Amino acid sequence: MNKPIAITMGCPAGIGPEIIVKLYIENKNYLENPHTVVFGDFNIIKNASDILKSDIPLYNWQTGEELKPGAINILSLTNLKFDDLIIGKPSETTGRASYIYISEAIKYALREDARGIVTAPISKKGLNLAGINYPGHTEILSSLTGAEEYLMMLAGKTLKVSLVTIHIPLKKVADSVSPQNILKTILISHNALKIDFGIKNPRIAVCGLNPHSGESGMFGDEEEKIIIPAIYEAKKININATGPYPPDTIFYRASKGEFDLVVCMYHDQGLIPLKLLHFNDGVNITLGLPVVRTSVDHGTAYDIAGKGVASCESLREAVNTAEEIVKNRLNYFIKSKFS
């Protein structure tokens, strides 16, 4: 049988269940040629289906079975009762359930029973209430897969960014960027662009940390002491990385096609321009893992959960991107083996 893509349901009290159902409503090819399984809760998907007035059958899929055409295939890993949840509010129950879905999907992917993982949004507060001390998906994935060199890429059709630092306070950024961390980010991004996206000679722009990239040291010296040495080392191993570029202009240039990706020094430096351009269709990709993982580029949206109005566009792009990466990795492996 064809191995499926595992779509994790995310927080049961968020918009994850309904954007999953909406994905199948709006993309009939997912039903005609089934290639995805929802790792979640049958009862909660059923409730989302009722909210959306969907007539698509739900199928309780079991490991090893063929995927059922014309239905939403669900691997039900919890047995939640809808009345026990408060839609729009995380809890110990929702946090524990969210963790079960992602941890099981990782197990499937590691033993190659799933071709990749696509994650719907979870709540960091829910995880914390359940005593699960991870700040988010990325850290869970790295821990459970044993990945030590990983990073976050955000991708849309006109802009891709990767991050040197992720979930840390802004006041700690300057002390957390180093030539080693920047070089690692450039190298992993370069390899991902080549292997996962099929770009032969990736063009990587490296963003400065300070206004005007420090203005020759007037507004900070991190560019000269930290960022430039990292770019120099990248060039020595034939990576087409340039910069550091002023943060207020480089994203415009990249969005016009001058670069394939921008390496950003901190979280919001990259996510603000990415979400400005790709608020609905951006995809979060974790690089450096032994499994393919993509995700929606938005949160649980508790304020609109249960109303049936959330867009599934980012989820669709995340599934399509996961499929693209799986295909490109296979092609790269075949070419490498026989070249």
C-alpha atoms as a PDB file:
ATOM      1  CA  MET A   1       0.000   0.000   0.000  1.00  0.00           C
ATOM      2  CA  ASN A   2       1.047   3.607  -0.493  1.00  0.00           C
ATOM      3  CA  LYS A   3       2.264   5.137   2.740  1.00  0.00           C
ATOM      4  CA  PRO A   4       0.131   8.140   3.757  1.00  0.00           C
ATOM      5  CA  ILE A   5       0.968  11.641   4.851  1.00  0.00           C
ATOM      6  CA  ALA A   6      -0.018  11.970   8.525  1.00  0.00           C
ATOM      7  CA  ILE A   7      -2.044  15.097   9.314  1.00  0.00           C
ATOM      8  CA  THR A   8      -2.091  15.721  13.065  1.00  0.00           C
ATOM      9  CA  MET A   9      -5.303  17.278  14.379  1.00  0.00           C
ATOM     10  CA  GLY A  10      -3.636  19.785  16.697  1.00  0.00           C
ATOM     11  CA  CYS A  11      -5.524  21.206  19.653  1.00  0.00           C
ATOM     12  CA  PRO A  12      -9.049  19.719  19.768  1.00  0.00           C
ATOM     13  CA  ALA A  13     -10.405  23.063  21.031  1.00  0.00           C
ATOM     14  CA  GLY A  14      -8.823  25.092  18.209  1.00  0.00           C
ATOM     15  CA  ILE A  15      -9.482  25.403  14.490  1.00  0.00           C
ATOM     16  CA  GLY A  16      -7.457  22.295  13.582  1.00  0.00           C
ATOM     17  CA  PRO A  17     -10.423  19.888  13.309  1.00  0.00           C
ATOM     18  CA  GLU A  18     -12.502  22.191  11.120  1.00  0.00           C
ATOM     19  CA  ILE A  19      -9.706  23.211   8.736  1.00  0.00           C
ATOM     20  CA  ILE A  20      -8.958  19.510   8.286  1.00  0.00           C
ATOM     21  CA  VAL A  21     -12.564  18.756   7.340  1.00  0.00           C
ATOM     22  CA  LYS A  22     -12.671  21.853   5.135  1.00  0.00           C
ATOM     23  CA  LEU A  23      -9.502  20.642   3.394  1.00  0.00           C
ATOM     24  CA  TYR A  24     -11.382  17.614   2.097  1.00  0.00           C
ATOM     25  CA  ILE A  25     -14.533  19.592   1.293  1.00  0.00           C
ATOM     26  CA  GLU A  26     -12.613  22.060  -0.884  1.00  0.00           C
ATOM     27  CA  ASN A  27     -10.133  19.591  -2.413  1.00  0.00           C
ATOM     28  CA  LYS A  28     -12.022  16.616  -3.783  1.00  0.00           C
ATOM     29  CA  ASN A  29      -8.822  15.084  -5.180  1.00  0.00           C
ATOM     30  CA  TYR A  30      -7.855  14.267  -1.591  1.00  0.00           C
ATOM     31  CA  LEU A  31     -10.876  11.971  -1.536  1.00  0.00           C
ATOM     32  CA  GLU A  32     -10.616  10.523  -5.032  1.00  0.00           C
ATOM     33  CA  ASN A  33      -6.927   9.654  -4.624  1.00  0.00           C
ATOM     34  CA  PRO A  34      -6.511   9.292  -0.854  1.00  0.00           C
ATOM     35  CA  HIS A  35      -2.997   9.895   0.424  1.00  0.00           C
ATOM     36  CA  THR A  36      -3.554  11.364   3.895  1.00  0.00           C
ATOM     37  CA  VAL A  37      -4.633  10.067   7.309  1.00  0.00           C
ATOM     38  CA  VAL A  38      -5.790  12.293  10.159  1.00  0.00           C
ATOM     39  CA  PHE A  39      -4.056  11.474  13.445  1.00  0.00           C
ATOM     40  CA  GLY A  40      -6.620  12.743  15.912  1.00  0.00           C
ATOM     41  CA  ASP A  41      -9.992  11.993  17.454  1.00  0.00           C
ATOM     42  CA  PHE A  42     -12.963  10.589  15.537  1.00  0.00           C
ATOM     43  CA  ASN A  43     -15.556  12.313  17.761  1.00  0.00           C
ATOM     44  CA  ILE A  44     -13.970  15.738  17.399  1.00  0.00           C
ATOM     45  CA  ILE A  45     -13.631  15.425  13.619  1.00  0.00           C
ATOM     46  CA  LYS A  46     -17.282  14.310  13.540  1.00  0.00           C
ATOM     47  CA  ASN A  47     -18.289  17.461  15.419  1.00  0.00           C
ATOM     48  CA  ALA A  48     -16.284  19.654  13.016  1.00  0.00           C
ATOM     49  CA  SER A  49     -17.930  17.828  10.125  1.00  0.00           C
ATOM     50  CA  ASP A  50     -21.364  18.598  11.591  1.00  0.00           C
ATOM     51  CA  ILE A  51     -20.494  22.279  12.056  1.00  0.00           C
ATOM     52  CA  LEU A  52     -19.484  22.488   8.391  1.00  0.00           C
ATOM     53  CA  LYS A  53     -22.529  20.446   7.301  1.00  0.00           C
ATOM     54  CA  SER A  54     -20.211  18.044   5.487  1.00  0.00           C
ATOM     55  CA  ASP A  55     -21.598  14.865   3.957  1.00  0.00           C
ATOM     56  CA  ILE A  56     -18.155  13.297   3.481  1.00  0.00           C
ATOM     57  CA  PRO A  57     -18.030   9.905   5.242  1.00  0.00           C
ATOM     58  CA  LEU A  58     -15.585   9.478   8.108  1.00  0.00           C
ATOM     59  CA  TYR A  59     -13.634   6.219   8.234  1.00  0.00           C
ATOM     60  CA  ASN A  60     -11.947   4.715  11.290  1.00  0.00           C
ATOM     61  CA  TRP A  61      -8.681   3.765   9.622  1.00  0.00           C
ATOM     62  CA  GLN A  62      -6.417   1.138  11.172  1.00  0.00           C
ATOM     63  CA  THR A  63      -2.708   0.622  10.700  1.00  0.00           C
ATOM     64  CA  GLY A  64      -1.903  -1.494   7.655  1.00  0.00           C
ATOM     65  CA  GLU A  65      -5.219  -0.905   5.904  1.00  0.00           C
ATOM     66  CA  GLU A  66      -5.586   0.576   2.472  1.00  0.00           C
ATOM     67  CA  LEU A  67      -6.870   4.129   2.542  1.00  0.00           C
ATOM     68  CA  LYS A  68     -10.604   4.293   1.898  1.00  0.00           C
ATOM     69  CA  PRO A  69     -11.471   6.387  -1.184  1.00  0.00           C
ATOM     70  CA  GLY A  70     -14.242   8.939  -0.826  1.00  0.00           C
ATOM     71  CA  ALA A  71     -13.814   9.285   2.935  1.00  0.00           C
ATOM     72  CA  ILE A  72     -11.750  11.135   5.522  1.00  0.00           C
ATOM     73  CA  ASN A  73      -9.457   8.456   6.928  1.00  0.00           C
ATOM     74  CA  ILE A  74      -8.950   8.937  10.675  1.00  0.00           C
ATOM     75  CA  LEU A  75      -6.584   7.142  13.026  1.00  0.00           C
ATOM     76  CA  SER A  76      -8.457   7.851  16.258  1.00  0.00           C
ATOM     77  CA  LEU A  77      -5.889   8.057  19.044  1.00  0.00           C
ATOM     78  CA  THR A  78      -8.109   9.532  21.774  1.00  0.00           C
ATOM     79  CA  ASN A  79     -11.749   9.170  22.710  1.00  0.00           C
ATOM     80  CA  LEU A  80     -12.701  12.690  23.704  1.00  0.00           C
ATOM     81  CA  LYS A  81     -16.246  13.728  24.460  1.00  0.00           C
ATOM     82  CA  PHE A  82     -17.180  17.029  22.904  1.00  0.00           C
ATOM     83  CA  ASP A  83     -19.076  18.111  26.028  1.00  0.00           C
ATOM     84  CA  ASP A  84     -15.874  17.790  28.060  1.00  0.00           C
ATOM     85  CA  LEU A  85     -14.154  20.481  25.965  1.00  0.00           C
ATOM     86  CA  ILE A  86     -14.576  24.234  25.922  1.00  0.00           C
ATOM     87  CA  ILE A  87     -14.101  25.225  22.301  1.00  0.00           C
ATOM     88  CA  GLY A  88     -11.677  28.114  22.129  1.00  0.00           C
ATOM     89  CA  LYS A  89      -9.928  27.295  25.407  1.00  0.00           C
ATOM     90  CA  PRO A  90      -6.885  25.064  25.936  1.00  0.00           C
ATOM     91  CA  SER A  91      -6.831  22.651  28.861  1.00  0.00           C
ATOM     92  CA  GLU A  92      -4.839  19.802  30.313  1.00  0.00           C
ATOM     93  CA  THR A  93      -6.978  17.412  28.231  1.00  0.00           C
ATOM     94  CA  THR A  94      -6.410  19.219  24.945  1.00  0.00           C
ATOM     95  CA  GLY A  95      -2.688  19.626  25.639  1.00  0.00           C
ATOM     96  CA  ARG A  96      -2.220  15.927  26.343  1.00  0.00           C
ATOM     97  CA  ALA A  97      -4.256  14.958  23.274  1.00  0.00           C
ATOM     98  CA  SER A  98      -2.264  17.296  21.027  1.00  0.00           C
ATOM     99  CA  TYR A  99       0.960  15.680  22.202  1.00  0.00           C
ATOM    100  CA  ILE A 100      -0.379  12.175  21.584  1.00  0.00           C
ATOM    101  CA  TYR A 101      -1.243  12.997  17.965  1.00  0.00           C
ATOM    102  CA  ILE A 102       2.166  14.444  17.115  1.00  0.00           C
ATOM    103  CA  SER A 103       4.190  11.828  19.019  1.00  0.00           C
ATOM    104  CA  GLU A 104       2.342   8.979  17.286  1.00  0.00           C
ATOM    105  CA  ALA A 105       2.801  10.607  13.877  1.00  0.00           C
ATOM    106  CA  ILE A 106       6.540  10.866  14.567  1.00  0.00           C
ATOM    107  CA  LYS A 107       6.683   7.151  15.387  1.00  0.00           C
ATOM    108  CA  TYR A 108       4.934   6.315  12.115  1.00  0.00           C
ATOM    109  CA  ALA A 109       7.244   8.551  10.107  1.00  0.00           C
ATOM    110  CA  LEU A 110      10.417   7.240  11.758  1.00  0.00           C
ATOM    111  CA  ARG A 111       9.530   3.654  10.873  1.00  0.00           C
ATOM    112  CA  GLU A 112       8.444   4.809   7.383  1.00  0.00           C
ATOM    113  CA  ASP A 113       4.784   3.910   7.846  1.00  0.00           C
ATOM    114  CA  ALA A 114       4.048   7.542   6.971  1.00  0.00           C
ATOM    115  CA  ARG A 115       5.824   9.495   4.242  1.00  0.00           C
ATOM    116  CA  GLY A 116       5.714  12.717   6.200  1.00  0.00           C
ATOM    117  CA  ILE A 117       3.925  14.744   8.858  1.00  0.00           C
ATOM    118  CA  VAL A 118       1.702  17.810   8.449  1.00  0.00           C
ATOM    119  CA  THR A 119       0.714  19.464  11.703  1.00  0.00           C
ATOM    120  CA  ALA A 120      -2.341  21.513  12.590  1.00  0.00           C
ATOM    121  CA  PRO A 121      -1.794  24.123  15.332  1.00  0.00           C
ATOM    122  CA  ILE A 122      -1.324  23.327  19.015  1.00  0.00           C
ATOM    123  CA  SER A 123      -1.349  25.478  22.143  1.00  0.00           C
ATOM    124  CA  LYS A 124       1.817  25.988  24.144  1.00  0.00           C
ATOM    125  CA  LYS A 125      -0.381  26.748  27.147  1.00  0.00           C
ATOM    126  CA  GLY A 126      -2.254  23.477  26.665  1.00  0.00           C
ATOM    127  CA  LEU A 127       1.020  21.551  26.615  1.00  0.00           C
ATOM    128  CA  ASN A 128       2.114  23.325  29.776  1.00  0.00           C
ATOM    129  CA  LEU A 129      -1.169  22.546  31.563  1.00  0.00           C
ATOM    130  CA  ALA A 130      -0.619  18.880  30.697  1.00  0.00           C
ATOM    131  CA  GLY A 131       2.886  18.990  32.159  1.00  0.00           C
ATOM    132  CA  ILE A 132       4.521  18.662  28.735  1.00  0.00           C
ATOM    133  CA  ASN A 133       7.389  21.108  28.813  1.00  0.00           C
ATOM    134  CA  TYR A 134       8.046  21.998  25.203  1.00  0.00           C
ATOM    135  CA  PRO A 135       7.597  25.512  23.790  1.00  0.00           C
ATOM    136  CA  GLY A 136       6.133  24.148  20.550  1.00  0.00           C
ATOM    137  CA  HIS A 137       6.065  21.633  17.724  1.00  0.00           C
ATOM    138  CA  THR A 138       9.633  22.245  16.583  1.00  0.00           C
ATOM    139  CA  GLU A 139      11.127  21.314  19.920  1.00  0.00           C
ATOM    140  CA  ILE A 140       8.908  18.217  20.259  1.00  0.00           C
ATOM    141  CA  LEU A 141       9.964  17.048  16.819  1.00  0.00           C
ATOM    142  CA  SER A 142      13.661  17.571  17.443  1.00  0.00           C
ATOM    143  CA  SER A 143      13.495  15.788  20.801  1.00  0.00           C
ATOM    144  CA  LEU A 144      11.505  12.762  19.643  1.00  0.00           C
ATOM    145  CA  THR A 145      13.495  12.306  16.423  1.00  0.00           C
ATOM    146  CA  GLY A 146      16.881  12.879  18.049  1.00  0.00           C
ATOM    147  CA  ALA A 147      17.703  15.726  15.664  1.00  0.00           C
ATOM    148  CA  GLU A 148      20.404  18.051  16.973  1.00  0.00           C
ATOM    149  CA  GLU A 149      20.880  20.365  13.973  1.00  0.00           C
ATOM    150  CA  TYR A 150      17.441  21.677  13.039  1.00  0.00           C
ATOM    151  CA  LEU A 151      15.859  24.983  12.165  1.00  0.00           C
ATOM    152  CA  MET A 152      12.644  26.645  11.092  1.00  0.00           C
ATOM    153  CA  MET A 153      11.902  27.676   7.512  1.00  0.00           C
ATOM    154  CA  LEU A 154       8.772  29.597   6.517  1.00  0.00           C
ATOM    155  CA  ALA A 155       7.842  29.337   2.878  1.00  0.00           C
ATOM    156  CA  GLY A 156       5.452  30.892   0.416  1.00  0.00           C
ATOM    157  CA  LYS A 157       5.426  31.124  -3.345  1.00  0.00           C
ATOM    158  CA  THR A 158       7.205  34.515  -3.377  1.00  0.00           C
ATOM    159  CA  LEU A 159       9.297  34.445  -0.187  1.00  0.00           C
ATOM    160  CA  LYS A 160      11.182  31.893   1.906  1.00  0.00           C
ATOM    161  CA  VAL A 161      12.923  32.669   5.185  1.00  0.00           C
ATOM    162  CA  SER A 162      14.888  30.645   7.725  1.00  0.00           C
ATOM    163  CA  LEU A 163      15.678  31.642  11.283  1.00  0.00           C
ATOM    164  CA  VAL A 164      18.947  31.672  13.218  1.00  0.00           C
ATOM    165  CA  THR A 165      17.107  32.018  16.558  1.00  0.00           C
ATOM    166  CA  ILE A 166      13.498  31.016  17.179  1.00  0.00           C
ATOM    167  CA  HIS A 167      11.553  31.233  20.449  1.00  0.00           C
ATOM    168  CA  ILE A 168      13.701  33.434  22.665  1.00  0.00           C
ATOM    169  CA  PRO A 169      13.171  36.943  24.096  1.00  0.00           C
ATOM    170  CA  LEU A 170      14.278  39.751  21.823  1.00  0.00           C
ATOM    171  CA  LYS A 171      16.747  41.022  24.441  1.00  0.00           C
ATOM    172  CA  LYS A 172      18.660  37.712  24.170  1.00  0.00           C
ATOM    173  CA  VAL A 173      18.986  37.677  20.378  1.00  0.00           C
ATOM    174  CA  ALA A 174      22.254  39.613  20.070  1.00  0.00           C
ATOM    175  CA  ASP A 175      23.963  37.261  22.517  1.00  0.00           C
ATOM    176  CA  SER A 176      22.522  34.168  20.810  1.00  0.00           C
ATOM    177  CA  VAL A 177      23.655  34.794  17.243  1.00  0.00           C
ATOM    178  CA  SER A 178      27.144  33.504  16.541  1.00  0.00           C
ATOM    179  CA  PRO A 179      29.188  32.747  13.424  1.00  0.00           C
ATOM    180  CA  GLN A 180      28.593  29.051  14.095  1.00  0.00           C
ATOM    181  CA  ASN A 181      24.799  29.375  14.394  1.00  0.00           C
ATOM    182  CA  ILE A 182      24.551  31.574  11.309  1.00  0.00           C
ATOM    183  CA  LEU A 183      26.766  29.254   9.265  1.00  0.00           C
ATOM    184  CA  LYS A 184      24.678  26.264  10.389  1.00  0.00           C
ATOM    185  CA  THR A 185      21.489  28.060   9.304  1.00  0.00           C
ATOM    186  CA  ILE A 186      22.992  28.933   5.911  1.00  0.00           C
ATOM    187  CA  LEU A 187      24.230  25.375   5.354  1.00  0.00           C
ATOM    188  CA  ILE A 188      20.989  23.621   6.345  1.00  0.00           C
ATOM    189  CA  SER A 189      18.953  26.115   4.295  1.00  0.00           C
ATOM    190  CA  HIS A 190      21.232  25.630   1.273  1.00  0.00           C
ATOM    191  CA  ASN A 191      20.869  21.842   1.435  1.00  0.00           C
ATOM    192  CA  ALA A 192      17.097  22.074   1.837  1.00  0.00           C
ATOM    193  CA  LEU A 193      16.743  24.382  -1.153  1.00  0.00           C
ATOM    194  CA  LYS A 194      18.786  21.952  -3.279  1.00  0.00           C
ATOM    195  CA  ILE A 195      17.290  18.673  -2.078  1.00  0.00           C
ATOM    196  CA  ASP A 196      13.772  19.532  -0.917  1.00  0.00           C
ATOM    197  CA  PHE A 197      12.961  22.240  -3.468  1.00  0.00           C
ATOM    198  CA  GLY A 198      15.106  21.172  -6.423  1.00  0.00           C
ATOM    199  CA  ILE A 199      17.008  24.476  -6.768  1.00  0.00           C
ATOM    200  CA  LYS A 200      20.393  23.741  -8.350  1.00  0.00           C
ATOM    201  CA  ASN A 201      22.303  26.811  -7.152  1.00  0.00           C
ATOM    202  CA  PRO A 202      20.391  28.423  -4.294  1.00  0.00           C
ATOM    203  CA  ARG A 203      20.816  32.172  -3.835  1.00  0.00           C
ATOM    204  CA  ILE A 204      20.802  32.956  -0.123  1.00  0.00           C
ATOM    205  CA  ALA A 205      20.577  36.478   1.266  1.00  0.00           C
ATOM    206  CA  VAL A 206      21.718  36.960   4.844  1.00  0.00           C
ATOM    207  CA  CYS A 207      19.925  39.653   6.799  1.00  0.00           C
ATOM    208  CA  GLY A 208      21.666  42.075   9.115  1.00  0.00           C
ATOM    209  CA  LEU A 209      20.729  42.306  12.773  1.00  0.00           C
ATOM    210  CA  ASN A 210      20.830  46.056  13.270  1.00  0.00           C
ATOM    211  CA  PRO A 211      19.194  48.992  11.430  1.00  0.00           C
ATOM    212  CA  HIS A 212      20.939  49.549   8.093  1.00  0.00           C
ATOM    213  CA  SER A 213      23.020  46.422   8.879  1.00  0.00           C
ATOM    214  CA  GLY A 214      24.921  48.403  11.468  1.00  0.00           C
ATOM    215  CA  GLU A 215      25.896  51.304   9.149  1.00  0.00           C
ATOM    216  CA  SER A 216      29.606  50.406   9.262  1.00  0.00           C
ATOM    217  CA  GLY A 217      29.509  49.853  13.003  1.00  0.00           C
ATOM    218  CA  MET A 218      27.615  53.031  13.897  1.00  0.00           C
ATOM    219  CA  PHE A 219      24.469  51.134  14.990  1.00  0.00           C
ATOM    220  CA  GLY A 220      26.080  47.919  16.178  1.00  0.00           C
ATOM    221  CA  ASP A 221      29.023  45.708  15.290  1.00  0.00           C
ATOM    222  CA  GLU A 222      27.370  42.267  15.046  1.00  0.00           C
ATOM    223  CA  GLU A 223      27.430  42.459  11.262  1.00  0.00           C
ATOM    224  CA  GLU A 224      31.204  42.956  11.092  1.00  0.00           C
ATOM    225  CA  LYS A 225      32.163  40.655  13.966  1.00  0.00           C
ATOM    226  CA  ILE A 226      29.619  37.833  13.607  1.00  0.00           C
ATOM    227  CA  ILE A 227      27.575  37.811  10.390  1.00  0.00           C
ATOM    228  CA  ILE A 228      30.255  38.631   7.802  1.00  0.00           C
ATOM    229  CA  PRO A 229      32.632  35.904   9.089  1.00  0.00           C
ATOM    230  CA  ALA A 230      29.814  33.346   8.792  1.00  0.00           C
ATOM    231  CA  ILE A 231      29.077  34.395   5.195  1.00  0.00           C
ATOM    232  CA  TYR A 232      32.776  34.180   4.405  1.00  0.00           C
ATOM    233  CA  GLU A 233      32.918  30.594   5.704  1.00  0.00           C
ATOM    234  CA  ALA A 234      29.853  29.690   3.655  1.00  0.00           C
ATOM    235  CA  LYS A 235      31.465  31.050   0.507  1.00  0.00           C
ATOM    236  CA  LYS A 236      34.565  28.941   1.184  1.00  0.00           C
ATOM    237  CA  ILE A 237      32.431  25.805   0.768  1.00  0.00           C
ATOM    238  CA  ASN A 238      30.859  27.134  -2.454  1.00  0.00           C
ATOM    239  CA  ILE A 239      27.526  28.274  -1.016  1.00  0.00           C
ATOM    240  CA  ASN A 240      26.063  31.269  -2.826  1.00  0.00           C
ATOM    241  CA  ALA A 241      25.393  33.367   0.294  1.00  0.00           C
ATOM    242  CA  THR A 242      25.678  37.145   0.299  1.00  0.00           C
ATOM    243  CA  GLY A 243      25.085  39.993   2.717  1.00  0.00           C
ATOM    244  CA  PRO A 244      24.508  41.138   5.344  1.00  0.00           C
ATOM    245  CA  TYR A 245      21.693  43.178   3.822  1.00  0.00           C
ATOM    246  CA  PRO A 246      19.684  45.904   5.568  1.00  0.00           C
ATOM    247  CA  PRO A 247      16.552  44.337   7.061  1.00  0.00           C
ATOM    248  CA  ASP A 248      14.295  47.079   5.694  1.00  0.00           C
ATOM    249  CA  THR A 249      15.039  46.346   2.011  1.00  0.00           C
ATOM    250  CA  ILE A 250      16.097  42.729   1.600  1.00  0.00           C
ATOM    251  CA  PHE A 251      12.634  41.169   1.819  1.00  0.00           C
ATOM    252  CA  TYR A 252      11.352  43.322  -1.030  1.00  0.00           C
ATOM    253  CA  ARG A 253      14.282  42.232  -3.198  1.00  0.00           C
ATOM    254  CA  ALA A 254      13.784  38.564  -2.306  1.00  0.00           C
ATOM    255  CA  SER A 255      10.043  38.741  -3.014  1.00  0.00           C
ATOM    256  CA  LYS A 256      10.855  40.052  -6.503  1.00  0.00           C
ATOM    257  CA  GLY A 257      12.926  36.947  -7.265  1.00  0.00           C
ATOM    258  CA  GLU A 258      16.462  38.186  -6.631  1.00  0.00           C
ATOM    259  CA  PHE A 259      17.064  35.557  -3.933  1.00  0.00           C
ATOM    260  CA  ASP A 260      15.666  32.120  -3.127  1.00  0.00           C
ATOM    261  CA  LEU A 261      15.719  32.560   0.652  1.00  0.00           C
ATOM    262  CA  VAL A 262      16.553  35.096   3.357  1.00  0.00           C
ATOM    263  CA  VAL A 263      18.391  33.983   6.493  1.00  0.00           C
ATOM    264  CA  CYS A 264      16.967  36.002   9.379  1.00  0.00           C
ATOM    265  CA  MET A 265      18.519  36.627  12.770  1.00  0.00           C
ATOM    266  CA  TYR A 266      15.364  36.350  14.876  1.00  0.00           C
ATOM    267  CA  HIS A 267      11.765  35.169  14.814  1.00  0.00           C
ATOM    268  CA  ASP A 268       9.768  38.295  13.993  1.00  0.00           C
ATOM    269  CA  GLN A 269      12.386  39.643  11.585  1.00  0.00           C
ATOM    270  CA  GLY A 270      11.438  36.779   9.252  1.00  0.00           C
ATOM    271  CA  LEU A 271       7.813  36.105  10.152  1.00  0.00           C
ATOM    272  CA  ILE A 272       6.497  39.645   9.785  1.00  0.00           C
ATOM    273  CA  PRO A 273       7.360  39.979   6.065  1.00  0.00           C
ATOM    274  CA  LEU A 274       6.491  36.320   5.424  1.00  0.00           C
ATOM    275  CA  LYS A 275       3.033  36.669   6.933  1.00  0.00           C
ATOM    276  CA  LEU A 276       2.474  40.013   5.243  1.00  0.00           C
ATOM    277  CA  LEU A 277       2.856  38.257   1.900  1.00  0.00           C
ATOM    278  CA  HIS A 278       1.596  34.789   2.840  1.00  0.00           C
ATOM    279  CA  PHE A 279      -0.811  35.183   5.724  1.00  0.00           C
ATOM    280  CA  ASN A 280      -3.193  32.524   4.392  1.00  0.00           C
ATOM    281  CA  ASP A 281      -0.886  30.259   2.409  1.00  0.00           C
ATOM    282  CA  GLY A 282       2.423  30.271   4.291  1.00  0.00           C
ATOM    283  CA  VAL A 283       3.974  26.955   5.322  1.00  0.00           C
ATOM    284  CA  ASN A 284       6.204  26.193   8.303  1.00  0.00           C
ATOM    285  CA  ILE A 285       8.894  23.593   7.535  1.00  0.00           C
ATOM    286  CA  THR A 286      11.266  22.036  10.056  1.00  0.00           C
ATOM    287  CA  LEU A 287      14.640  21.429   8.415  1.00  0.00           C
ATOM    288  CA  GLY A 288      17.269  18.999   9.650  1.00  0.00           C
ATOM    289  CA  LEU A 289      14.872  16.259  10.796  1.00  0.00           C
ATOM    290  CA  PRO A 290      15.092  12.615   9.673  1.00  0.00           C
ATOM    291  CA  VAL A 291      11.422  12.911   8.639  1.00  0.00           C
ATOM    292  CA  VAL A 292       9.496  15.351   6.445  1.00  0.00           C
ATOM    293  CA  ARG A 293       7.504  17.828   8.528  1.00  0.00           C
ATOM    294  CA  THR A 294       5.454  20.788   7.372  1.00  0.00           C
ATOM    295  CA  SER A 295       2.842  22.794   9.204  1.00  0.00           C
ATOM    296  CA  VAL A 296       0.293  25.527   8.878  1.00  0.00           C
ATOM    297  CA  ASP A 297       1.763  28.961   9.454  1.00  0.00           C
ATOM    298  CA  HIS A 298      -0.846  30.072  11.987  1.00  0.00           C
ATOM    299  CA  GLY A 299      -2.046  29.316  15.470  1.00  0.00           C
ATOM    300  CA  THR A 300      -5.102  27.746  17.054  1.00  0.00           C
ATOM    301  CA  ALA A 301      -7.241  30.863  16.402  1.00  0.00           C
ATOM    302  CA  TYR A 302      -9.347  30.202  19.493  1.00  0.00           C
ATOM    303  CA  ASP A 303     -11.387  33.349  18.853  1.00  0.00           C
ATOM    304  CA  ILE A 304     -12.995  31.793  15.759  1.00  0.00           C
ATOM    305  CA  ALA A 305     -12.797  28.100  16.684  1.00  0.00           C
ATOM    306  CA  GLY A 306     -16.038  26.206  16.217  1.00  0.00           C
ATOM    307  CA  LYS A 307     -17.534  28.816  13.904  1.00  0.00           C
ATOM    308  CA  GLY A 308     -16.595  27.104  10.632  1.00  0.00           C
ATOM    309  CA  VAL A 309     -15.025  30.253   9.169  1.00  0.00           C
ATOM    310  CA  ALA A 310     -11.304  29.368   9.368  1.00  0.00           C
ATOM    311  CA  SER A 311      -9.403  29.029   6.087  1.00  0.00           C
ATOM    312  CA  CYS A 312      -7.763  25.734   5.155  1.00  0.00           C
ATOM    313  CA  GLU A 313      -5.462  27.387   2.602  1.00  0.00           C
ATOM    314  CA  SER A 314      -2.304  27.116   4.714  1.00  0.00           C
ATOM    315  CA  LEU A 315      -3.092  23.487   5.534  1.00  0.00           C
ATOM    316  CA  ARG A 316      -3.535  22.665   1.845  1.00  0.00           C
ATOM    317  CA  GLU A 317      -0.206  24.305   1.023  1.00  0.00           C
ATOM    318  CA  ALA A 318       1.446  22.420   3.894  1.00  0.00           C
ATOM    319  CA  VAL A 319       0.185  19.084   2.529  1.00  0.00           C
ATOM    320  CA  ASN A 320       1.229  19.970  -1.017  1.00  0.00           C
ATOM    321  CA  THR A 321       4.659  21.112   0.184  1.00  0.00           C
ATOM    322  CA  ALA A 322       5.156  17.880   2.132  1.00  0.00           C
ATOM    323  CA  GLU A 323       4.330  15.910  -1.014  1.00  0.00           C
ATOM    324  CA  GLU A 324       6.748  18.045  -3.030  1.00  0.00           C
ATOM    325  CA  ILE A 325       9.559  17.499  -0.530  1.00  0.00           C
ATOM    326  CA  VAL A 326       8.975  13.734  -0.405  1.00  0.00           C
ATOM    327  CA  LYS A 327       9.111  13.569  -4.201  1.00  0.00           C
ATOM    328  CA  ASN A 328      12.197  15.802  -4.504  1.00  0.00           C
ATOM    329  CA  ARG A 329      14.102  13.880  -1.835  1.00  0.00           C
ATOM    330  CA  LEU A 330      13.423  10.618  -3.643  1.00  0.00           C
ATOM    331  CA  ASN A 331      14.542  12.088  -6.973  1.00  0.00           C
ATOM    332  CA  TYR A 332      17.697  13.504  -5.372  1.00  0.00           C
ATOM    333  CA  PHE A 333      18.501  10.139  -3.795  1.00  0.00           C
ATOM    334  CA  ILE A 334      18.017   8.326  -7.097  1.00  0.00           C
ATOM    335  CA  LYS A 335      20.189  10.817  -9.002  1.00  0.00           C
ATOM    336  CA  SER A 336      22.903  10.691  -6.338  1.00  0.00           C
ATOM    337  CA  LYS A 337      22.932   6.909  -6.324  1.00  0.00           C
ATOM    338  CA  PHE A 338      23.224   6.470 -10.061  1.00  0.00           C
ATOM    339  CA  SER A 339      25.274   9.527 -11.013  1.00  0.00           C
END
